[in-house]
Amino acid sequence: MNNNILLIDDDPDDHEIFEFALGLAYPTATCEHSYNCQDAAEKIKKRLFPLPENIFLDFNMPMMELPKCLFAIHEALGVDHADIVILTGFAKADLPNFNAFGVVKVISKPSTIELLAEEIQDVVGYKARA
């Protein structure tokens, strides 16, 4: 199984860190990148890459608030499904509940790449074993 990942984050450094952690967690996964939600939704809608099975989305994105972003992603996916994971620098307890928007997990950005790799493994790895 080749898991397709989409990372939506406005910080290029976070893309590099995520890519490295993903390589540790699940080396055979492929990762597409978007730097804002509008671009991601458009790429999904136009099928510019394989549909993602997992979407990792930064909580604090410019141009579009998170609930609107989640709606745009679901609209672009149509009948298809992707597990959505929120990445945040905030404590999980400080965030509203986004389960109604299809969010399966919220990850507070860990302090090391290895810890981020463990968090990614929890989300992506179970599909690799299934």
C-alpha atoms as a PDB file:
ATOM      1  CA  MET A   1       0.000   0.000   0.000  1.00  0.00           C
ATOM      2  CA  ASN A   2       1.342   3.440  -0.908  1.00  0.00           C
ATOM      3  CA  ASN A   3      -0.169   6.027   1.410  1.00  0.00           C
ATOM      4  CA  ASN A   4      -0.707   9.458  -0.151  1.00  0.00           C
ATOM      5  CA  ILE A   5      -0.275  12.386   2.215  1.00  0.00           C
ATOM      6  CA  LEU A   6      -1.093  16.069   1.747  1.00  0.00           C
ATOM      7  CA  LEU A   7       0.522  18.664   3.998  1.00  0.00           C
ATOM      8  CA  ILE A   8      -1.095  22.104   4.108  1.00  0.00           C
ATOM      9  CA  ASP A   9       1.089  24.597   5.970  1.00  0.00           C
ATOM     10  CA  ASP A  10       2.157  28.157   5.179  1.00  0.00           C
ATOM     11  CA  ASP A  11       5.683  27.697   6.627  1.00  0.00           C
ATOM     12  CA  PRO A  12       8.246  26.177   4.201  1.00  0.00           C
ATOM     13  CA  ASP A  13      10.445  25.094   7.132  1.00  0.00           C
ATOM     14  CA  ASP A  14       7.558  23.078   8.552  1.00  0.00           C
ATOM     15  CA  HIS A  15       7.254  21.303   5.190  1.00  0.00           C
ATOM     16  CA  GLU A  16      10.909  20.230   5.380  1.00  0.00           C
ATOM     17  CA  ILE A  17      10.552  19.069   8.986  1.00  0.00           C
ATOM     18  CA  PHE A  18       7.359  17.153   8.195  1.00  0.00           C
ATOM     19  CA  GLU A  19       8.915  15.492   5.125  1.00  0.00           C
ATOM     20  CA  PHE A  20      11.885  14.321   7.179  1.00  0.00           C
ATOM     21  CA  ALA A  21       9.649  13.016   9.996  1.00  0.00           C
ATOM     22  CA  LEU A  22       7.392  11.276   7.467  1.00  0.00           C
ATOM     23  CA  GLY A  23      10.460   9.559   6.009  1.00  0.00           C
ATOM     24  CA  LEU A  24      11.287   8.215   9.466  1.00  0.00           C
ATOM     25  CA  ALA A  25       7.709   7.189  10.223  1.00  0.00           C
ATOM     26  CA  TYR A  26       6.680   5.734   6.900  1.00  0.00           C
ATOM     27  CA  PRO A  27       9.342   5.822   4.158  1.00  0.00           C
ATOM     28  CA  THR A  28       7.082   4.569   1.361  1.00  0.00           C
ATOM     29  CA  ALA A  29       4.464   7.301   1.774  1.00  0.00           C
ATOM     30  CA  THR A  30       4.276  10.047  -0.819  1.00  0.00           C
ATOM     31  CA  CYS A  31       3.722  13.624   0.268  1.00  0.00           C
ATOM     32  CA  GLU A  32       2.227  16.489  -1.703  1.00  0.00           C
ATOM     33  CA  HIS A  33       2.541  20.039  -0.417  1.00  0.00           C
ATOM     34  CA  SER A  34       0.299  23.101  -0.382  1.00  0.00           C
ATOM     35  CA  TYR A  35       1.021  26.397   1.322  1.00  0.00           C
ATOM     36  CA  ASN A  36      -2.592  27.503   1.759  1.00  0.00           C
ATOM     37  CA  CYS A  37      -5.998  25.916   1.884  1.00  0.00           C
ATOM     38  CA  GLN A  38      -7.324  27.451  -1.326  1.00  0.00           C
ATOM     39  CA  ASP A  39      -4.415  25.983  -3.301  1.00  0.00           C
ATOM     40  CA  ALA A  40      -4.894  22.588  -1.655  1.00  0.00           C
ATOM     41  CA  ALA A  41      -8.629  22.491  -2.350  1.00  0.00           C
ATOM     42  CA  GLU A  42      -8.040  23.484  -5.973  1.00  0.00           C
ATOM     43  CA  LYS A  43      -5.367  20.791  -6.453  1.00  0.00           C
ATOM     44  CA  ILE A  44      -7.658  18.161  -4.917  1.00  0.00           C
ATOM     45  CA  LYS A  45     -10.609  19.267  -7.040  1.00  0.00           C
ATOM     46  CA  LYS A  46      -8.545  19.181 -10.249  1.00  0.00           C
ATOM     47  CA  ARG A  47      -6.944  15.851  -9.212  1.00  0.00           C
ATOM     48  CA  LEU A  48      -3.451  17.269  -9.788  1.00  0.00           C
ATOM     49  CA  PHE A  49      -2.053  14.482  -7.614  1.00  0.00           C
ATOM     50  CA  PRO A  50      -3.384  11.192  -6.260  1.00  0.00           C
ATOM     51  CA  LEU A  51      -6.147  11.765  -3.730  1.00  0.00           C
ATOM     52  CA  PRO A  52      -4.669  11.921  -0.251  1.00  0.00           C
ATOM     53  CA  GLU A  53      -5.575   9.332   2.320  1.00  0.00           C
ATOM     54  CA  ASN A  54      -4.311  11.606   5.074  1.00  0.00           C
ATOM     55  CA  ILE A  55      -4.275  15.402   5.189  1.00  0.00           C
ATOM     56  CA  PHE A  56      -2.122  17.172   7.753  1.00  0.00           C
ATOM     57  CA  LEU A  57      -3.325  20.755   8.155  1.00  0.00           C
ATOM     58  CA  ASP A  58      -1.717  23.559  10.112  1.00  0.00           C
ATOM     59  CA  PHE A  59      -4.177  25.112  12.548  1.00  0.00           C
ATOM     60  CA  ASN A  60      -3.066  28.695  12.007  1.00  0.00           C
ATOM     61  CA  MET A  61      -3.370  29.347   8.267  1.00  0.00           C
ATOM     62  CA  PRO A  62      -3.634  32.721   6.538  1.00  0.00           C
ATOM     63  CA  MET A  63      -6.377  33.636   4.047  1.00  0.00           C
ATOM     64  CA  MET A  64      -8.983  31.132   5.286  1.00  0.00           C
ATOM     65  CA  GLU A  65     -10.191  30.248   8.789  1.00  0.00           C
ATOM     66  CA  LEU A  66      -9.950  26.608   9.758  1.00  0.00           C
ATOM     67  CA  PRO A  67     -13.676  25.675   9.616  1.00  0.00           C
ATOM     68  CA  LYS A  68     -13.963  27.247   6.160  1.00  0.00           C
ATOM     69  CA  CYS A  69     -10.788  25.451   5.092  1.00  0.00           C
ATOM     70  CA  LEU A  70     -12.121  22.100   6.297  1.00  0.00           C
ATOM     71  CA  PHE A  71     -15.356  22.706   4.394  1.00  0.00           C
ATOM     72  CA  ALA A  72     -13.390  23.556   1.210  1.00  0.00           C
ATOM     73  CA  ILE A  73     -11.341  20.361   1.539  1.00  0.00           C
ATOM     74  CA  HIS A  74     -14.438  18.194   1.999  1.00  0.00           C
ATOM     75  CA  GLU A  75     -16.132  19.905  -0.942  1.00  0.00           C
ATOM     76  CA  ALA A  76     -13.062  19.261  -3.113  1.00  0.00           C
ATOM     77  CA  LEU A  77     -12.874  15.607  -2.057  1.00  0.00           C
ATOM     78  CA  GLY A  78     -16.529  15.085  -2.997  1.00  0.00           C
ATOM     79  CA  VAL A  79     -17.531  11.522  -2.225  1.00  0.00           C
ATOM     80  CA  ASP A  80     -13.928  10.544  -1.465  1.00  0.00           C
ATOM     81  CA  HIS A  81     -12.594  10.520   2.087  1.00  0.00           C
ATOM     82  CA  ALA A  82      -9.324  11.509   3.743  1.00  0.00           C
ATOM     83  CA  ASP A  83      -8.392  11.447   7.415  1.00  0.00           C
ATOM     84  CA  ILE A  84      -7.642  15.012   8.490  1.00  0.00           C
ATOM     85  CA  VAL A  85      -5.109  15.761  11.209  1.00  0.00           C
ATOM     86  CA  ILE A  86      -4.632  19.239  12.652  1.00  0.00           C
ATOM     87  CA  LEU A  87      -1.065  20.312  13.450  1.00  0.00           C
ATOM     88  CA  THR A  88      -0.797  23.102  15.983  1.00  0.00           C
ATOM     89  CA  GLY A  89       1.576  24.947  18.241  1.00  0.00           C
ATOM     90  CA  PHE A  90      -1.246  25.385  20.758  1.00  0.00           C
ATOM     91  CA  ALA A  91      -2.072  22.987  23.558  1.00  0.00           C
ATOM     92  CA  LYS A  92      -4.841  20.593  22.506  1.00  0.00           C
ATOM     93  CA  ALA A  93      -6.971  21.676  25.448  1.00  0.00           C
ATOM     94  CA  ASP A  94      -7.018  25.237  24.082  1.00  0.00           C
ATOM     95  CA  LEU A  95      -8.621  24.205  20.798  1.00  0.00           C
ATOM     96  CA  PRO A  96     -12.264  23.727  19.893  1.00  0.00           C
ATOM     97  CA  ASN A  97     -13.504  20.276  18.931  1.00  0.00           C
ATOM     98  CA  PHE A  98     -13.314  19.776  15.170  1.00  0.00           C
ATOM     99  CA  ASN A  99     -14.588  16.167  15.039  1.00  0.00           C
ATOM    100  CA  ALA A 100     -17.731  17.340  13.264  1.00  0.00           C
ATOM    101  CA  PHE A 101     -15.466  18.521  10.446  1.00  0.00           C
ATOM    102  CA  GLY A 102     -13.897  15.092   9.972  1.00  0.00           C
ATOM    103  CA  VAL A 103     -10.760  15.762  12.012  1.00  0.00           C
ATOM    104  CA  VAL A 104      -9.460  12.454  13.366  1.00  0.00           C
ATOM    105  CA  LYS A 105      -6.629  13.818  15.498  1.00  0.00           C
ATOM    106  CA  VAL A 106      -5.028  17.028  16.732  1.00  0.00           C
ATOM    107  CA  ILE A 107      -1.253  16.977  17.139  1.00  0.00           C
ATOM    108  CA  SER A 108       0.538  19.639  19.148  1.00  0.00           C
ATOM    109  CA  LYS A 109       3.741  20.137  17.171  1.00  0.00           C
ATOM    110  CA  PRO A 110       6.380  18.128  19.035  1.00  0.00           C
ATOM    111  CA  SER A 111       9.775  19.521  19.978  1.00  0.00           C
ATOM    112  CA  THR A 112      11.751  16.933  17.984  1.00  0.00           C
ATOM    113  CA  ILE A 113      11.515  15.335  14.556  1.00  0.00           C
ATOM    114  CA  GLU A 114      11.519  11.894  16.184  1.00  0.00           C
ATOM    115  CA  LEU A 115       8.458  12.741  18.275  1.00  0.00           C
ATOM    116  CA  LEU A 116       6.701  14.120  15.192  1.00  0.00           C
ATOM    117  CA  ALA A 117       7.580  10.887  13.378  1.00  0.00           C
ATOM    118  CA  GLU A 118       5.919   8.911  16.197  1.00  0.00           C
ATOM    119  CA  GLU A 119       2.766  11.048  15.902  1.00  0.00           C
ATOM    120  CA  ILE A 120       2.699  10.563  12.123  1.00  0.00           C
ATOM    121  CA  GLN A 121       3.210   6.823  12.598  1.00  0.00           C
ATOM    122  CA  ASP A 122       0.156   6.732  14.853  1.00  0.00           C
ATOM    123  CA  VAL A 123      -1.964   8.212  12.062  1.00  0.00           C
ATOM    124  CA  VAL A 124      -0.393   6.853   8.882  1.00  0.00           C
ATOM    125  CA  GLY A 125       1.197   3.650  10.135  1.00  0.00           C
ATOM    126  CA  TYR A 126      -2.012   1.915  11.074  1.00  0.00           C
ATOM    127  CA  LYS A 127      -3.106   2.038   7.423  1.00  0.00           C
ATOM    128  CA  ALA A 128       0.206   0.531   6.356  1.00  0.00           C
ATOM    129  CA  ARG A 129      -0.371  -2.415   8.699  1.00  0.00           C
ATOM    130  CA  ALA A 130      -4.027  -2.859   7.780  1.00  0.00           C
END
